[in-house]
Amino acid sequence: MLIALLSSILIAASMVTSEEEFMITIPPEPEPGFYKTIEECIEKMSRECGENIVKAVLEDEEISEQCCVELVHGMGKICHDDLLQFYVSLPQLGFNITHLNIRGQQVWNICILKAPSKM
């Protein structure tokens, strides 16, 4: 279960640090089942699109239409927000909470426009 979660952390960590050794301590769950929910959210998106979305949030990278479809129609807003909350809970990554939340909302809004509506 933790493979996708750890992979997600490694993707984010690689974008904020260039240190050879990097230790991450995963904090206690904010509520029971939160990490299981995060894992299920991550599994709803391809690794390629997961990387694209993380880079869009952290590095202002362009988001592909396919990845927006996976984010909006596959993962959904609740999962997107939960993942942002998870990344913020990892102080070792050194994210600016305000910037991460603002940029996460911007990415969601961009994807709402890019992802064709389900019919």
N, C-alpha and C. Protein backbone atom coordinates (compact mmCIF):
# COMPACT_ATOMS: atom_id res chain seq x y z
N MET A 1 0.81 -1.20 0.00
CA MET A 1 0.00 0.00 0.00
C MET A 1 0.86 1.26 0.00
N LEU A 2 1.96 1.26 0.67
CA LEU A 2 2.75 2.48 0.80
C LEU A 2 3.65 2.76 -0.39
N ILE A 3 3.72 1.87 -1.38
CA ILE A 3 4.62 2.08 -2.50
C ILE A 3 4.26 3.34 -3.27
N ALA A 4 3.01 3.53 -3.62
CA ALA A 4 2.60 4.72 -4.35
C ALA A 4 2.79 5.97 -3.51
N LEU A 5 2.51 5.88 -2.23
CA LEU A 5 2.69 7.02 -1.33
C LEU A 5 4.15 7.42 -1.25
N LEU A 6 5.03 6.45 -1.07
CA LEU A 6 6.46 6.74 -1.00
C LEU A 6 6.98 7.27 -2.32
N SER A 7 6.50 6.74 -3.41
CA SER A 7 6.89 7.22 -4.73
C SER A 7 6.50 8.68 -4.89
N SER A 8 5.31 9.02 -4.44
CA SER A 8 4.83 10.39 -4.50
C SER A 8 5.72 11.33 -3.69
N ILE A 9 6.12 10.88 -2.51
CA ILE A 9 7.00 11.68 -1.66
C ILE A 9 8.34 11.89 -2.34
N LEU A 10 8.88 10.84 -2.94
CA LEU A 10 10.17 10.94 -3.61
C LEU A 10 10.13 11.91 -4.78
N ILE A 11 9.04 11.91 -5.53
CA ILE A 11 8.88 12.85 -6.63
C ILE A 11 8.92 14.28 -6.10
N ALA A 12 8.15 14.54 -5.07
CA ALA A 12 8.11 15.89 -4.50
C ALA A 12 9.47 16.27 -3.90
N ALA A 13 10.09 15.34 -3.20
CA ALA A 13 11.38 15.61 -2.57
C ALA A 13 12.45 15.92 -3.61
N SER A 14 12.41 15.25 -4.73
CA SER A 14 13.43 15.47 -5.76
C SER A 14 13.33 16.87 -6.36
N MET A 15 12.19 17.50 -6.21
CA MET A 15 12.00 18.82 -6.77
C MET A 15 12.39 19.93 -5.81
N VAL A 16 12.56 19.61 -4.54
CA VAL A 16 12.86 20.66 -3.57
C VAL A 16 14.23 20.51 -2.92
N THR A 17 14.95 19.44 -3.22
CA THR A 17 16.25 19.25 -2.60
C THR A 17 17.22 18.63 -3.58
N SER A 18 18.47 18.99 -3.42
CA SER A 18 19.50 18.37 -4.25
C SER A 18 20.49 17.60 -3.38
N GLU A 19 20.18 17.48 -2.10
CA GLU A 19 21.04 16.74 -1.18
C GLU A 19 21.03 15.26 -1.53
N GLU A 20 22.19 14.62 -1.38
CA GLU A 20 22.28 13.20 -1.67
C GLU A 20 21.50 12.37 -0.67
N GLU A 21 21.58 12.72 0.61
CA GLU A 21 20.84 11.99 1.63
C GLU A 21 19.68 12.85 2.08
N PHE A 22 18.52 12.24 2.10
CA PHE A 22 17.32 12.98 2.46
C PHE A 22 16.43 12.08 3.28
N MET A 23 16.13 12.48 4.49
CA MET A 23 15.31 11.67 5.39
C MET A 23 13.94 12.33 5.55
N ILE A 24 12.92 11.51 5.42
CA ILE A 24 11.56 12.00 5.63
C ILE A 24 10.91 11.19 6.73
N THR A 25 10.35 11.89 7.68
CA THR A 25 9.59 11.25 8.75
C THR A 25 8.12 11.51 8.46
N ILE A 26 7.39 10.45 8.25
CA ILE A 26 5.96 10.60 8.00
C ILE A 26 5.27 10.77 9.35
N PRO A 27 4.55 11.90 9.50
CA PRO A 27 3.89 12.17 10.79
C PRO A 27 2.71 11.24 11.02
N PRO A 28 2.22 11.19 12.25
CA PRO A 28 1.03 10.38 12.53
C PRO A 28 -0.14 10.86 11.66
N GLU A 29 -1.03 9.94 11.36
CA GLU A 29 -2.20 10.30 10.56
C GLU A 29 -3.02 11.37 11.28
N PRO A 30 -3.49 12.39 10.54
CA PRO A 30 -4.33 13.41 11.18
C PRO A 30 -5.68 12.85 11.60
N GLU A 31 -6.09 11.77 10.93
CA GLU A 31 -7.32 11.06 11.29
C GLU A 31 -7.16 9.62 10.84
N PRO A 32 -7.81 8.68 11.50
CA PRO A 32 -7.67 7.27 11.13
C PRO A 32 -8.05 7.04 9.66
N GLY A 33 -7.21 6.29 8.95
CA GLY A 33 -7.49 5.95 7.56
C GLY A 33 -7.03 6.98 6.55
N PHE A 34 -6.43 8.10 7.01
CA PHE A 34 -6.02 9.16 6.09
C PHE A 34 -4.99 8.67 5.08
N TYR A 35 -3.98 7.92 5.54
CA TYR A 35 -2.94 7.46 4.62
C TYR A 35 -3.48 6.41 3.64
N LYS A 36 -4.43 5.63 4.07
CA LYS A 36 -5.06 4.67 3.15
C LYS A 36 -5.81 5.44 2.07
N THR A 37 -6.49 6.49 2.47
CA THR A 37 -7.20 7.34 1.50
C THR A 37 -6.24 7.98 0.52
N ILE A 38 -5.11 8.48 1.02
CA ILE A 38 -4.09 9.09 0.17
C ILE A 38 -3.57 8.06 -0.83
N GLU A 39 -3.29 6.87 -0.36
CA GLU A 39 -2.80 5.79 -1.23
C GLU A 39 -3.81 5.50 -2.34
N GLU A 40 -5.07 5.41 -1.98
CA GLU A 40 -6.11 5.16 -2.99
C GLU A 40 -6.21 6.31 -3.99
N CYS A 41 -6.01 7.52 -3.52
CA CYS A 41 -6.03 8.68 -4.42
C CYS A 41 -4.89 8.61 -5.42
N ILE A 42 -3.70 8.30 -4.94
CA ILE A 42 -2.52 8.23 -5.80
C ILE A 42 -2.70 7.17 -6.87
N GLU A 43 -3.33 6.07 -6.52
CA GLU A 43 -3.52 4.97 -7.46
C GLU A 43 -4.50 5.31 -8.58
N LYS A 44 -5.23 6.41 -8.46
CA LYS A 44 -6.19 6.82 -9.48
C LYS A 44 -5.53 7.59 -10.63
N MET A 45 -4.23 7.83 -10.51
CA MET A 45 -3.53 8.62 -11.51
C MET A 45 -2.27 7.90 -11.95
N SER A 46 -1.95 7.99 -13.22
CA SER A 46 -0.71 7.38 -13.72
C SER A 46 0.49 8.09 -13.11
N ARG A 47 1.60 7.37 -13.04
CA ARG A 47 2.82 7.96 -12.48
C ARG A 47 3.23 9.20 -13.28
N GLU A 48 3.13 9.10 -14.60
CA GLU A 48 3.51 10.22 -15.46
C GLU A 48 2.68 11.47 -15.14
N CYS A 49 1.39 11.28 -15.00
CA CYS A 49 0.53 12.43 -14.70
C CYS A 49 0.72 12.90 -13.25
N GLY A 50 0.98 11.98 -12.35
CA GLY A 50 1.28 12.39 -10.98
C GLY A 50 2.49 13.31 -10.94
N GLU A 51 3.53 12.95 -11.68
CA GLU A 51 4.73 13.78 -11.76
C GLU A 51 4.41 15.12 -12.41
N ASN A 52 3.60 15.10 -13.48
CA ASN A 52 3.23 16.33 -14.17
C ASN A 52 2.48 17.29 -13.24
N ILE A 53 1.55 16.75 -12.47
CA ILE A 53 0.76 17.59 -11.56
C ILE A 53 1.64 18.14 -10.44
N VAL A 54 2.50 17.28 -9.86
CA VAL A 54 3.39 17.75 -8.79
C VAL A 54 4.31 18.85 -9.32
N LYS A 55 4.86 18.65 -10.52
CA LYS A 55 5.73 19.68 -11.10
C LYS A 55 4.95 20.95 -11.43
N ALA A 56 3.69 20.81 -11.81
CA ALA A 56 2.87 21.98 -12.08
C ALA A 56 2.66 22.79 -10.80
N VAL A 57 2.44 22.10 -9.70
CA VAL A 57 2.22 22.79 -8.43
C VAL A 57 3.53 23.40 -7.92
N LEU A 58 4.62 22.64 -7.98
CA LEU A 58 5.87 23.10 -7.38
C LEU A 58 6.74 23.96 -8.29
N GLU A 59 6.65 23.72 -9.60
CA GLU A 59 7.57 24.39 -10.52
C GLU A 59 6.86 25.14 -11.63
N ASP A 60 5.55 25.29 -11.55
CA ASP A 60 4.77 25.98 -12.57
C ASP A 60 4.93 25.36 -13.96
N GLU A 61 5.12 24.05 -14.02
CA GLU A 61 5.22 23.35 -15.30
C GLU A 61 3.85 23.30 -15.98
N GLU A 62 3.86 23.30 -17.31
CA GLU A 62 2.63 23.18 -18.09
C GLU A 62 1.98 21.82 -17.79
N ILE A 63 0.67 21.79 -17.71
CA ILE A 63 -0.07 20.56 -17.42
C ILE A 63 -0.68 20.04 -18.72
N SER A 64 -0.48 18.77 -19.00
CA SER A 64 -1.06 18.19 -20.21
C SER A 64 -2.57 18.01 -20.03
N GLU A 65 -3.27 18.00 -21.16
CA GLU A 65 -4.72 17.79 -21.11
C GLU A 65 -5.05 16.43 -20.52
N GLN A 66 -4.28 15.39 -20.90
CA GLN A 66 -4.52 14.05 -20.38
C GLN A 66 -4.38 14.02 -18.86
N CYS A 67 -3.38 14.71 -18.35
CA CYS A 67 -3.17 14.72 -16.89
C CYS A 67 -4.28 15.50 -16.19
N CYS A 68 -4.78 16.53 -16.84
CA CYS A 68 -5.93 17.24 -16.27
C CYS A 68 -7.16 16.34 -16.22
N VAL A 69 -7.35 15.55 -17.26
CA VAL A 69 -8.47 14.60 -17.26
C VAL A 69 -8.32 13.63 -16.09
N GLU A 70 -7.11 13.09 -15.90
CA GLU A 70 -6.89 12.15 -14.79
C GLU A 70 -7.10 12.83 -13.44
N LEU A 71 -6.68 14.09 -13.33
CA LEU A 71 -6.84 14.81 -12.07
C LEU A 71 -8.31 15.08 -11.78
N VAL A 72 -9.00 15.67 -12.73
CA VAL A 72 -10.38 16.11 -12.51
C VAL A 72 -11.36 14.94 -12.47
N HIS A 73 -11.26 14.05 -13.46
CA HIS A 73 -12.27 12.98 -13.58
C HIS A 73 -11.83 11.67 -12.92
N GLY A 74 -10.54 11.50 -12.71
CA GLY A 74 -10.05 10.28 -12.08
C GLY A 74 -9.85 10.45 -10.59
N MET A 75 -9.00 11.40 -10.24
CA MET A 75 -8.65 11.61 -8.84
C MET A 75 -9.71 12.42 -8.11
N GLY A 76 -10.07 13.57 -8.64
CA GLY A 76 -11.09 14.41 -8.02
C GLY A 76 -10.52 15.45 -7.07
N LYS A 77 -11.35 16.41 -6.74
CA LYS A 77 -10.95 17.56 -5.91
C LYS A 77 -10.59 17.15 -4.49
N ILE A 78 -11.35 16.27 -3.90
CA ILE A 78 -11.07 15.88 -2.51
C ILE A 78 -9.69 15.23 -2.42
N CYS A 79 -9.39 14.32 -3.34
CA CYS A 79 -8.07 13.67 -3.33
C CYS A 79 -6.96 14.69 -3.57
N HIS A 80 -7.18 15.60 -4.52
CA HIS A 80 -6.19 16.64 -4.80
C HIS A 80 -5.90 17.45 -3.55
N ASP A 81 -6.94 17.87 -2.86
CA ASP A 81 -6.77 18.66 -1.63
C ASP A 81 -6.11 17.84 -0.52
N ASP A 82 -6.48 16.57 -0.41
CA ASP A 82 -5.87 15.70 0.61
C ASP A 82 -4.38 15.52 0.35
N LEU A 83 -3.99 15.37 -0.91
CA LEU A 83 -2.57 15.23 -1.23
C LEU A 83 -1.80 16.50 -0.89
N LEU A 84 -2.39 17.66 -1.17
CA LEU A 84 -1.74 18.92 -0.78
C LEU A 84 -1.56 18.97 0.73
N GLN A 85 -2.59 18.57 1.46
CA GLN A 85 -2.51 18.54 2.93
C GLN A 85 -1.39 17.60 3.38
N PHE A 86 -1.27 16.46 2.71
CA PHE A 86 -0.22 15.51 3.06
C PHE A 86 1.16 16.10 2.83
N TYR A 87 1.39 16.71 1.68
CA TYR A 87 2.71 17.31 1.40
C TYR A 87 3.05 18.40 2.40
N VAL A 88 2.06 19.20 2.78
CA VAL A 88 2.29 20.25 3.75
C VAL A 88 2.68 19.67 5.11
N SER A 89 2.22 18.45 5.40
CA SER A 89 2.51 17.82 6.70
C SER A 89 3.94 17.29 6.79
N LEU A 90 4.70 17.39 5.71
CA LEU A 90 6.08 16.90 5.69
C LEU A 90 7.04 18.09 5.77
N PRO A 91 7.39 18.51 6.97
CA PRO A 91 8.23 19.71 7.10
C PRO A 91 9.60 19.56 6.45
N GLN A 92 10.08 18.33 6.29
CA GLN A 92 11.39 18.12 5.68
C GLN A 92 11.42 18.61 4.23
N LEU A 93 10.26 18.68 3.59
CA LEU A 93 10.20 19.14 2.20
C LEU A 93 10.27 20.67 2.12
N GLY A 94 10.01 21.34 3.22
CA GLY A 94 10.16 22.79 3.29
C GLY A 94 9.20 23.57 2.41
N PHE A 95 7.99 23.07 2.21
CA PHE A 95 7.04 23.78 1.37
C PHE A 95 6.50 25.00 2.08
N ASN A 96 6.28 26.06 1.33
CA ASN A 96 5.57 27.23 1.81
C ASN A 96 4.09 26.87 1.73
N ILE A 97 3.45 26.75 2.87
CA ILE A 97 2.07 26.27 2.93
C ILE A 97 1.13 27.15 2.11
N THR A 98 1.27 28.45 2.25
CA THR A 98 0.39 29.37 1.52
C THR A 98 0.58 29.22 0.03
N HIS A 99 1.83 29.20 -0.42
CA HIS A 99 2.12 29.06 -1.86
C HIS A 99 1.59 27.73 -2.38
N LEU A 100 1.82 26.65 -1.63
CA LEU A 100 1.39 25.33 -2.06
C LEU A 100 -0.14 25.28 -2.21
N ASN A 101 -0.86 25.84 -1.26
CA ASN A 101 -2.32 25.83 -1.33
C ASN A 101 -2.84 26.69 -2.48
N ILE A 102 -2.24 27.87 -2.67
CA ILE A 102 -2.65 28.75 -3.77
C ILE A 102 -2.36 28.09 -5.10
N ARG A 103 -1.14 27.57 -5.24
CA ARG A 103 -0.75 26.96 -6.51
C ARG A 103 -1.56 25.69 -6.78
N GLY A 104 -1.86 24.92 -5.74
CA GLY A 104 -2.69 23.74 -5.90
C GLY A 104 -4.07 24.10 -6.42
N GLN A 105 -4.65 25.18 -5.91
CA GLN A 105 -5.96 25.63 -6.39
C GLN A 105 -5.87 26.13 -7.82
N GLN A 106 -4.78 26.82 -8.16
CA GLN A 106 -4.60 27.29 -9.54
C GLN A 106 -4.52 26.12 -10.51
N VAL A 107 -3.76 25.09 -10.13
CA VAL A 107 -3.63 23.91 -10.98
C VAL A 107 -5.00 23.26 -11.17
N TRP A 108 -5.77 23.15 -10.10
CA TRP A 108 -7.11 22.57 -10.21
C TRP A 108 -7.96 23.40 -11.18
N ASN A 109 -7.93 24.72 -11.04
CA ASN A 109 -8.73 25.59 -11.90
C ASN A 109 -8.32 25.47 -13.37
N ILE A 110 -7.03 25.38 -13.62
CA ILE A 110 -6.52 25.20 -14.99
C ILE A 110 -7.06 23.88 -15.55
N CYS A 111 -7.00 22.84 -14.74
CA CYS A 111 -7.44 21.52 -15.20
C CYS A 111 -8.95 21.46 -15.42
N ILE A 112 -9.72 22.17 -14.65
CA ILE A 112 -11.17 22.22 -14.87
C ILE A 112 -11.44 22.74 -16.27
N LEU A 113 -10.67 23.73 -16.72
CA LEU A 113 -10.85 24.30 -18.05
C LEU A 113 -10.32 23.38 -19.15
N LYS A 114 -9.23 22.65 -18.86
CA LYS A 114 -8.61 21.79 -19.87
C LYS A 114 -9.28 20.44 -20.04
N ALA A 115 -9.86 19.93 -18.98
CA ALA A 115 -10.45 18.58 -19.03
C ALA A 115 -11.86 18.66 -19.58
N PRO A 116 -12.10 18.00 -20.70
CA PRO A 116 -13.47 18.01 -21.24
C PRO A 116 -14.45 17.43 -20.23
N SER A 117 -15.64 17.95 -20.23
CA SER A 117 -16.68 17.45 -19.31
C SER A 117 -17.04 16.02 -19.65
N LYS A 118 -17.34 15.26 -18.61
CA LYS A 118 -17.85 13.90 -18.82
C LYS A 118 -19.30 14.00 -19.27
N MET A 119 -19.65 13.18 -20.21
CA MET A 119 -21.04 13.20 -20.68
C MET A 119 -21.74 11.95 -20.31
